[in-house]
Amino acid sequence: MLRAIRVMTAGEWKGEPADRVELDFDQRHRRRLLMETRGGMSFLLDLPTAVALRDGDGLVLNDGRLIGVVAADEALAEIVPPDAAAAVRIAWHLGNRHLPTEIAGTRLRIRRDHVIEAMAAGLGARVEPISAPFQPEGGAYAGGHSHGHDHEH
């Protein structure tokens, strides 16, 4: 079976990939997973450690070919704060809940969650449902999901 054994970050490789694989956010943070390209080629993602893949990265197969990574569209909520103070306040609340959050200019993007959307609206933001690739911030502890301290919520 073909195996993807290495990741090349976006910008590190050039040219056209042999094929592309479209993955949502959860599928893009794996170490080992059976994948299928848009063209129907199956291969095993087989990396030494879990890697957070991003749109435009390339997966190097054990036969030398490269498979391009495409971030799939997902159901998101785009939070549009009315001002900088509200943006900071809302971002703090999202971080306090450990929610993956994408910063898109002056807007914040999260996965759809009616409770969080109502909270953001209650803090003065406009909340718009959108469909787009989700590429949240890696954060200060981008090497994994752990953030290095314990506390109660």
N, C-alpha and C. Protein backbone atom coordinates (compact mmCIF):
# COMPACT_ATOMS: atom_id res chain seq x y z
N MET A 1 0.84 -1.18 0.00
CA MET A 1 0.00 0.00 0.00
C MET A 1 0.88 1.24 0.00
N LEU A 2 0.43 2.26 -0.71
CA LEU A 2 1.13 3.54 -0.71
C LEU A 2 1.02 4.17 0.66
N ARG A 3 2.11 4.84 1.07
CA ARG A 3 2.11 5.51 2.36
C ARG A 3 2.62 6.94 2.19
N ALA A 4 1.99 7.87 2.90
CA ALA A 4 2.50 9.24 2.98
C ALA A 4 3.42 9.27 4.19
N ILE A 5 4.71 9.55 3.93
CA ILE A 5 5.71 9.39 4.98
C ILE A 5 6.31 10.72 5.46
N ARG A 6 5.96 11.79 4.77
CA ARG A 6 6.54 13.09 5.12
C ARG A 6 5.61 14.21 4.69
N VAL A 7 5.67 15.34 5.39
CA VAL A 7 4.87 16.51 5.06
C VAL A 7 5.80 17.63 4.58
N MET A 8 5.41 18.25 3.49
CA MET A 8 6.08 19.46 3.03
C MET A 8 5.09 20.60 3.22
N THR A 9 5.52 21.63 3.94
CA THR A 9 4.60 22.73 4.22
C THR A 9 4.32 23.54 2.95
N ALA A 10 3.19 24.21 2.96
CA ALA A 10 2.81 25.08 1.84
C ALA A 10 3.95 26.05 1.59
N GLY A 11 4.31 26.21 0.34
CA GLY A 11 5.42 27.09 -0.03
C GLY A 11 6.75 26.38 -0.12
N GLU A 12 6.85 25.21 0.48
CA GLU A 12 8.09 24.42 0.45
C GLU A 12 8.19 23.60 -0.83
N TRP A 13 7.07 23.40 -1.51
CA TRP A 13 7.06 22.61 -2.74
C TRP A 13 6.42 23.43 -3.85
N LYS A 14 6.75 23.06 -5.07
CA LYS A 14 6.23 23.78 -6.24
C LYS A 14 5.68 22.78 -7.25
N GLY A 15 4.96 23.31 -8.22
CA GLY A 15 4.44 22.47 -9.28
C GLY A 15 3.09 21.89 -8.93
N GLU A 16 2.63 21.02 -9.80
CA GLU A 16 1.34 20.37 -9.62
C GLU A 16 1.52 19.06 -8.86
N PRO A 17 0.67 18.82 -7.85
CA PRO A 17 0.74 17.53 -7.16
C PRO A 17 0.17 16.42 -8.04
N ALA A 18 0.51 15.19 -7.71
CA ALA A 18 -0.03 14.04 -8.44
C ALA A 18 -1.55 13.97 -8.28
N ASP A 19 -2.05 14.41 -7.14
CA ASP A 19 -3.48 14.42 -6.84
C ASP A 19 -3.67 15.28 -5.60
N ARG A 20 -4.92 15.40 -5.16
CA ARG A 20 -5.22 16.19 -3.97
C ARG A 20 -6.14 15.40 -3.05
N VAL A 21 -6.01 15.67 -1.77
CA VAL A 21 -6.89 15.08 -0.78
C VAL A 21 -7.56 16.23 -0.03
N GLU A 22 -8.90 16.16 0.08
CA GLU A 22 -9.67 17.22 0.74
C GLU A 22 -10.05 16.74 2.13
N LEU A 23 -9.66 17.52 3.15
CA LEU A 23 -9.83 17.10 4.54
C LEU A 23 -10.41 18.22 5.38
N ASP A 24 -11.30 17.87 6.31
CA ASP A 24 -11.79 18.87 7.25
C ASP A 24 -10.76 19.06 8.37
N PHE A 25 -11.03 19.96 9.30
CA PHE A 25 -10.07 20.29 10.35
C PHE A 25 -9.65 19.05 11.15
N ASP A 26 -10.61 18.23 11.58
CA ASP A 26 -10.28 17.05 12.38
C ASP A 26 -9.42 16.06 11.60
N GLN A 27 -9.72 15.87 10.33
CA GLN A 27 -8.95 14.94 9.51
C GLN A 27 -7.53 15.45 9.23
N ARG A 28 -7.32 16.76 9.39
CA ARG A 28 -6.00 17.33 9.10
C ARG A 28 -5.06 17.28 10.30
N HIS A 29 -5.48 16.71 11.42
CA HIS A 29 -4.58 16.58 12.56
C HIS A 29 -4.53 15.11 12.96
N ARG A 30 -3.70 14.38 12.25
CA ARG A 30 -3.59 12.94 12.45
C ARG A 30 -2.14 12.50 12.29
N ARG A 31 -1.89 11.30 12.75
CA ARG A 31 -0.60 10.67 12.53
C ARG A 31 -0.74 9.52 11.54
N ARG A 32 -1.82 8.80 11.70
CA ARG A 32 -2.02 7.60 10.88
C ARG A 32 -3.50 7.51 10.52
N LEU A 33 -3.77 7.51 9.20
CA LEU A 33 -5.15 7.48 8.75
C LEU A 33 -5.19 7.05 7.28
N LEU A 34 -6.12 6.19 6.93
CA LEU A 34 -6.32 5.82 5.54
C LEU A 34 -7.02 6.98 4.83
N MET A 35 -6.46 7.41 3.69
CA MET A 35 -7.01 8.54 2.96
C MET A 35 -7.29 8.16 1.52
N GLU A 36 -8.19 8.92 0.89
CA GLU A 36 -8.46 8.74 -0.53
C GLU A 36 -8.43 10.10 -1.21
N THR A 37 -7.72 10.17 -2.32
CA THR A 37 -7.59 11.43 -3.05
C THR A 37 -8.85 11.70 -3.86
N ARG A 38 -8.94 12.91 -4.39
CA ARG A 38 -10.06 13.26 -5.26
C ARG A 38 -10.13 12.34 -6.46
N GLY A 39 -8.98 11.87 -6.93
CA GLY A 39 -8.93 10.98 -8.09
C GLY A 39 -9.14 9.51 -7.76
N GLY A 40 -9.34 9.19 -6.49
CA GLY A 40 -9.64 7.81 -6.10
C GLY A 40 -8.45 6.99 -5.63
N MET A 41 -7.28 7.58 -5.51
CA MET A 41 -6.10 6.85 -5.04
C MET A 41 -6.15 6.73 -3.51
N SER A 42 -5.95 5.52 -3.01
CA SER A 42 -5.91 5.30 -1.57
C SER A 42 -4.46 5.24 -1.11
N PHE A 43 -4.24 5.81 0.08
CA PHE A 43 -2.91 5.72 0.69
C PHE A 43 -3.07 5.85 2.19
N LEU A 44 -2.03 5.44 2.90
CA LEU A 44 -2.02 5.51 4.35
C LEU A 44 -1.16 6.68 4.78
N LEU A 45 -1.75 7.63 5.50
CA LEU A 45 -0.96 8.66 6.15
C LEU A 45 -0.23 7.94 7.28
N ASP A 46 1.09 7.96 7.25
CA ASP A 46 1.89 7.16 8.18
C ASP A 46 3.08 8.00 8.65
N LEU A 47 2.81 8.91 9.58
CA LEU A 47 3.83 9.84 10.06
C LEU A 47 4.33 9.43 11.44
N PRO A 48 5.55 9.80 11.80
CA PRO A 48 6.08 9.43 13.12
C PRO A 48 5.33 10.09 14.28
N THR A 49 4.81 11.30 14.06
CA THR A 49 4.02 12.00 15.07
C THR A 49 2.84 12.69 14.38
N ALA A 50 1.82 13.02 15.16
CA ALA A 50 0.67 13.73 14.61
C ALA A 50 1.11 15.12 14.16
N VAL A 51 0.60 15.53 13.02
CA VAL A 51 0.92 16.84 12.44
C VAL A 51 -0.38 17.54 12.11
N ALA A 52 -0.42 18.84 12.36
CA ALA A 52 -1.58 19.64 11.97
C ALA A 52 -1.35 20.11 10.53
N LEU A 53 -2.00 19.44 9.58
CA LEU A 53 -1.87 19.81 8.17
C LEU A 53 -2.67 21.06 7.88
N ARG A 54 -2.16 21.87 6.98
CA ARG A 54 -2.83 23.10 6.58
C ARG A 54 -3.07 23.08 5.08
N ASP A 55 -4.03 23.88 4.65
CA ASP A 55 -4.33 24.00 3.24
C ASP A 55 -3.05 24.37 2.48
N GLY A 56 -2.76 23.62 1.43
CA GLY A 56 -1.56 23.89 0.62
C GLY A 56 -0.36 23.05 0.99
N ASP A 57 -0.41 22.32 2.10
CA ASP A 57 0.68 21.42 2.44
C ASP A 57 0.72 20.27 1.44
N GLY A 58 1.82 19.55 1.41
CA GLY A 58 1.95 18.41 0.52
C GLY A 58 2.34 17.17 1.31
N LEU A 59 1.79 16.04 0.93
CA LEU A 59 2.13 14.76 1.54
C LEU A 59 3.01 13.99 0.57
N VAL A 60 4.20 13.63 1.00
CA VAL A 60 5.15 12.91 0.15
C VAL A 60 4.90 11.41 0.32
N LEU A 61 4.56 10.76 -0.80
CA LEU A 61 4.33 9.32 -0.78
C LEU A 61 5.66 8.58 -0.83
N ASN A 62 5.64 7.33 -0.40
CA ASN A 62 6.87 6.53 -0.40
C ASN A 62 7.37 6.23 -1.81
N ASP A 63 6.59 6.50 -2.84
CA ASP A 63 7.08 6.33 -4.22
C ASP A 63 7.57 7.66 -4.81
N GLY A 64 7.57 8.74 -3.97
CA GLY A 64 8.10 10.03 -4.41
C GLY A 64 7.06 11.02 -4.89
N ARG A 65 5.85 10.57 -5.19
CA ARG A 65 4.81 11.51 -5.62
C ARG A 65 4.35 12.38 -4.46
N LEU A 66 3.74 13.49 -4.81
CA LEU A 66 3.26 14.42 -3.81
C LEU A 66 1.76 14.59 -3.95
N ILE A 67 1.06 14.56 -2.81
CA ILE A 67 -0.39 14.75 -2.76
C ILE A 67 -0.65 16.08 -2.07
N GLY A 68 -1.39 16.98 -2.73
CA GLY A 68 -1.71 18.29 -2.15
C GLY A 68 -2.84 18.19 -1.15
N VAL A 69 -2.75 18.95 -0.07
CA VAL A 69 -3.78 19.00 0.97
C VAL A 69 -4.69 20.20 0.70
N VAL A 70 -5.99 19.94 0.67
CA VAL A 70 -7.00 20.98 0.49
C VAL A 70 -7.89 20.99 1.72
N ALA A 71 -8.03 22.14 2.36
CA ALA A 71 -8.92 22.27 3.51
C ALA A 71 -10.36 22.30 3.02
N ALA A 72 -11.17 21.37 3.49
CA ALA A 72 -12.57 21.28 3.07
C ALA A 72 -13.41 22.38 3.72
N ASP A 73 -14.45 22.80 3.03
CA ASP A 73 -15.41 23.73 3.61
C ASP A 73 -16.14 23.07 4.78
N GLU A 74 -16.41 23.85 5.81
CA GLU A 74 -17.14 23.37 6.98
C GLU A 74 -18.17 24.40 7.39
N ALA A 75 -19.14 23.98 8.16
CA ALA A 75 -20.16 24.90 8.68
C ALA A 75 -19.55 25.70 9.83
N LEU A 76 -19.38 27.00 9.61
CA LEU A 76 -18.75 27.86 10.60
C LEU A 76 -19.66 29.02 10.96
N ALA A 77 -19.34 29.64 12.07
CA ALA A 77 -19.96 30.90 12.46
C ALA A 77 -18.88 31.96 12.40
N GLU A 78 -19.13 33.02 11.64
CA GLU A 78 -18.19 34.13 11.58
C GLU A 78 -18.70 35.22 12.51
N ILE A 79 -17.87 35.55 13.48
CA ILE A 79 -18.24 36.51 14.51
C ILE A 79 -17.62 37.86 14.14
N VAL A 80 -18.47 38.87 14.00
CA VAL A 80 -18.03 40.21 13.60
C VAL A 80 -18.24 41.15 14.79
N PRO A 81 -17.18 41.40 15.57
CA PRO A 81 -17.32 42.28 16.72
C PRO A 81 -17.52 43.73 16.28
N PRO A 82 -18.23 44.54 17.08
CA PRO A 82 -18.47 45.93 16.70
C PRO A 82 -17.24 46.83 16.85
N ASP A 83 -16.29 46.40 17.71
CA ASP A 83 -15.09 47.22 17.92
C ASP A 83 -13.99 46.35 18.51
N ALA A 84 -12.81 46.94 18.68
CA ALA A 84 -11.64 46.19 19.16
C ALA A 84 -11.85 45.65 20.57
N ALA A 85 -12.46 46.43 21.45
CA ALA A 85 -12.68 45.98 22.82
C ALA A 85 -13.59 44.75 22.85
N ALA A 86 -14.63 44.77 22.04
CA ALA A 86 -15.53 43.61 21.98
C ALA A 86 -14.81 42.40 21.39
N ALA A 87 -13.95 42.63 20.40
CA ALA A 87 -13.19 41.53 19.80
C ALA A 87 -12.32 40.84 20.84
N VAL A 88 -11.63 41.64 21.66
CA VAL A 88 -10.77 41.08 22.71
C VAL A 88 -11.61 40.33 23.72
N ARG A 89 -12.72 40.91 24.13
CA ARG A 89 -13.59 40.26 25.12
C ARG A 89 -14.13 38.93 24.58
N ILE A 90 -14.58 38.92 23.34
CA ILE A 90 -15.12 37.69 22.76
C ILE A 90 -14.01 36.66 22.59
N ALA A 91 -12.85 37.09 22.11
CA ALA A 91 -11.72 36.16 21.95
C ALA A 91 -11.33 35.55 23.29
N TRP A 92 -11.38 36.36 24.35
CA TRP A 92 -11.06 35.83 25.69
C TRP A 92 -12.06 34.73 26.07
N HIS A 93 -13.34 34.97 25.84
CA HIS A 93 -14.36 33.97 26.18
C HIS A 93 -14.18 32.69 25.36
N LEU A 94 -13.83 32.82 24.09
CA LEU A 94 -13.60 31.63 23.26
C LEU A 94 -12.40 30.85 23.77
N GLY A 95 -11.33 31.57 24.08
CA GLY A 95 -10.13 30.92 24.60
C GLY A 95 -10.36 30.27 25.94
N ASN A 96 -11.15 30.92 26.79
CA ASN A 96 -11.46 30.36 28.10
C ASN A 96 -12.21 29.04 27.97
N ARG A 97 -12.91 28.87 26.86
CA ARG A 97 -13.65 27.63 26.60
C ARG A 97 -12.83 26.66 25.74
N HIS A 98 -11.60 27.02 25.46
CA HIS A 98 -10.69 26.18 24.66
C HIS A 98 -11.27 25.83 23.30
N LEU A 99 -12.00 26.78 22.69
CA LEU A 99 -12.60 26.54 21.38
C LEU A 99 -11.59 26.86 20.29
N PRO A 100 -11.37 25.93 19.36
CA PRO A 100 -10.54 26.28 18.21
C PRO A 100 -11.15 27.50 17.52
N THR A 101 -10.33 28.51 17.28
CA THR A 101 -10.80 29.77 16.72
C THR A 101 -9.85 30.24 15.63
N GLU A 102 -10.41 30.63 14.52
CA GLU A 102 -9.64 31.20 13.42
C GLU A 102 -9.79 32.71 13.45
N ILE A 103 -8.68 33.41 13.32
CA ILE A 103 -8.71 34.86 13.23
C ILE A 103 -8.65 35.21 11.75
N ALA A 104 -9.69 35.85 11.25
CA ALA A 104 -9.79 36.22 9.83
C ALA A 104 -9.92 37.73 9.75
N GLY A 105 -8.79 38.41 9.81
CA GLY A 105 -8.81 39.87 9.83
C GLY A 105 -9.38 40.35 11.14
N THR A 106 -10.48 41.09 11.09
CA THR A 106 -11.13 41.58 12.31
C THR A 106 -12.26 40.66 12.76
N ARG A 107 -12.39 39.53 12.11
CA ARG A 107 -13.46 38.59 12.42
C ARG A 107 -12.89 37.33 13.07
N LEU A 108 -13.74 36.63 13.80
CA LEU A 108 -13.36 35.37 14.43
C LEU A 108 -14.25 34.29 13.84
N ARG A 109 -13.66 33.12 13.57
CA ARG A 109 -14.44 32.00 13.04
C ARG A 109 -14.35 30.81 13.97
N ILE A 110 -15.51 30.22 14.22
CA ILE A 110 -15.59 29.01 15.04
C ILE A 110 -16.51 28.03 14.33
N ARG A 111 -16.49 26.78 14.78
CA ARG A 111 -17.48 25.84 14.29
C ARG A 111 -18.83 26.25 14.85
N ARG A 112 -19.89 25.93 14.11
CA ARG A 112 -21.24 26.32 14.53
C ARG A 112 -21.55 25.75 15.91
N ASP A 113 -22.04 26.61 16.78
CA ASP A 113 -22.43 26.23 18.14
C ASP A 113 -23.42 27.29 18.61
N HIS A 114 -24.70 26.94 18.69
CA HIS A 114 -25.73 27.93 18.98
C HIS A 114 -25.52 28.63 20.32
N VAL A 115 -24.97 27.94 21.30
CA VAL A 115 -24.74 28.54 22.61
C VAL A 115 -23.66 29.62 22.52
N ILE A 116 -22.57 29.30 21.86
CA ILE A 116 -21.46 30.25 21.71
C ILE A 116 -21.87 31.41 20.80
N GLU A 117 -22.63 31.10 19.77
CA GLU A 117 -23.11 32.15 18.87
C GLU A 117 -23.99 33.14 19.64
N ALA A 118 -24.86 32.63 20.52
CA ALA A 118 -25.72 33.51 21.33
C ALA A 118 -24.88 34.34 22.29
N MET A 119 -23.83 33.74 22.86
CA MET A 119 -22.96 34.48 23.76
C MET A 119 -22.29 35.64 23.02
N ALA A 120 -21.76 35.37 21.81
CA ALA A 120 -21.09 36.41 21.02
C ALA A 120 -22.08 37.52 20.66
N ALA A 121 -23.29 37.15 20.29
CA ALA A 121 -24.30 38.15 19.96
C ALA A 121 -24.65 38.98 21.20
N GLY A 122 -24.70 38.31 22.35
CA GLY A 122 -24.98 39.01 23.60
C GLY A 122 -23.88 40.00 23.98
N LEU A 123 -22.68 39.77 23.45
CA LEU A 123 -21.56 40.69 23.69
C LEU A 123 -21.45 41.74 22.59
N GLY A 124 -22.50 41.82 21.74
CA GLY A 124 -22.57 42.89 20.75
C GLY A 124 -22.12 42.53 19.34
N ALA A 125 -21.70 41.30 19.11
CA ALA A 125 -21.22 40.91 17.78
C ALA A 125 -22.36 40.53 16.86
N ARG A 126 -22.10 40.67 15.57
CA ARG A 126 -22.98 40.10 14.55
C ARG A 126 -22.42 38.73 14.24
N VAL A 127 -23.27 37.72 14.16
CA VAL A 127 -22.84 36.34 13.90
C VAL A 127 -23.45 35.89 12.58
N GLU A 128 -22.59 35.48 11.66
CA GLU A 128 -23.03 35.07 10.34
C GLU A 128 -22.65 33.61 10.08
N PRO A 129 -23.61 32.76 9.72
CA PRO A 129 -23.26 31.39 9.34
C PRO A 129 -22.58 31.41 7.97
N ILE A 130 -21.46 30.71 7.85
CA ILE A 130 -20.75 30.63 6.58
C ILE A 130 -20.28 29.19 6.37
N SER A 131 -19.89 28.92 5.14
CA SER A 131 -19.25 27.65 4.80
C SER A 131 -17.89 28.01 4.22
N ALA A 132 -16.82 27.55 4.90
CA ALA A 132 -15.46 27.90 4.48
C ALA A 132 -14.49 26.90 5.10
N PRO A 133 -13.27 26.82 4.57
CA PRO A 133 -12.25 26.00 5.23
C PRO A 133 -11.98 26.56 6.63
N PHE A 134 -11.74 25.67 7.60
CA PHE A 134 -11.49 26.08 8.98
C PHE A 134 -10.02 25.88 9.29
N GLN A 135 -9.32 26.99 9.57
CA GLN A 135 -7.90 26.93 9.88
C GLN A 135 -7.65 27.73 11.16
N PRO A 136 -8.00 27.13 12.31
CA PRO A 136 -7.85 27.85 13.57
C PRO A 136 -6.39 28.08 13.94
N GLU A 137 -6.20 29.04 14.83
CA GLU A 137 -4.87 29.35 15.33
C GLU A 137 -4.29 28.13 16.02
N GLY A 138 -2.99 27.95 15.89
CA GLY A 138 -2.32 26.85 16.59
C GLY A 138 -2.13 27.15 18.07
N GLY A 139 -2.01 28.40 18.40
CA GLY A 139 -1.87 28.79 19.79
C GLY A 139 -0.44 28.65 20.29
N ALA A 140 -0.25 29.02 21.53
CA ALA A 140 1.07 29.01 22.13
C ALA A 140 1.60 27.59 22.30
N TYR A 141 0.71 26.63 22.32
CA TYR A 141 1.11 25.23 22.52
C TYR A 141 0.77 24.43 21.27
N ALA A 142 1.15 24.92 20.12
CA ALA A 142 0.74 24.37 18.83
C ALA A 142 1.22 22.95 18.60
N GLY A 143 2.13 22.45 19.41
CA GLY A 143 2.63 21.10 19.22
C GLY A 143 1.61 20.04 19.54
N GLY A 144 0.54 20.38 20.21
CA GLY A 144 -0.45 19.37 20.56
C GLY A 144 -1.69 20.03 21.12
N HIS A 145 -2.59 19.19 21.64
CA HIS A 145 -3.84 19.72 22.18
C HIS A 145 -3.71 20.12 23.64
N SER A 146 -2.66 19.67 24.31
CA SER A 146 -2.46 20.01 25.71
C SER A 146 -1.98 21.45 25.83
N HIS A 147 -2.39 22.12 26.88
CA HIS A 147 -1.94 23.49 27.06
C HIS A 147 -1.12 23.67 28.33
N GLY A 148 -0.73 22.59 28.96
CA GLY A 148 0.28 22.65 29.99
C GLY A 148 -0.12 23.10 31.37
N HIS A 149 -1.39 23.24 31.67
CA HIS A 149 -1.77 23.56 33.03
C HIS A 149 -3.17 23.00 33.30
N ASP A 150 -3.46 22.83 34.57
CA ASP A 150 -4.77 22.30 34.95
C ASP A 150 -5.57 23.39 35.63
N HIS A 151 -6.85 23.41 35.37
CA HIS A 151 -7.75 24.29 36.08
C HIS A 151 -9.16 23.80 35.86
N GLU A 152 -10.05 24.28 36.72
CA GLU A 152 -11.44 23.87 36.62
C GLU A 152 -12.22 24.88 35.82
N HIS A 153 -13.29 24.41 35.18
CA HIS A 153 -14.18 25.31 34.43
C HIS A 153 -15.51 25.34 35.12
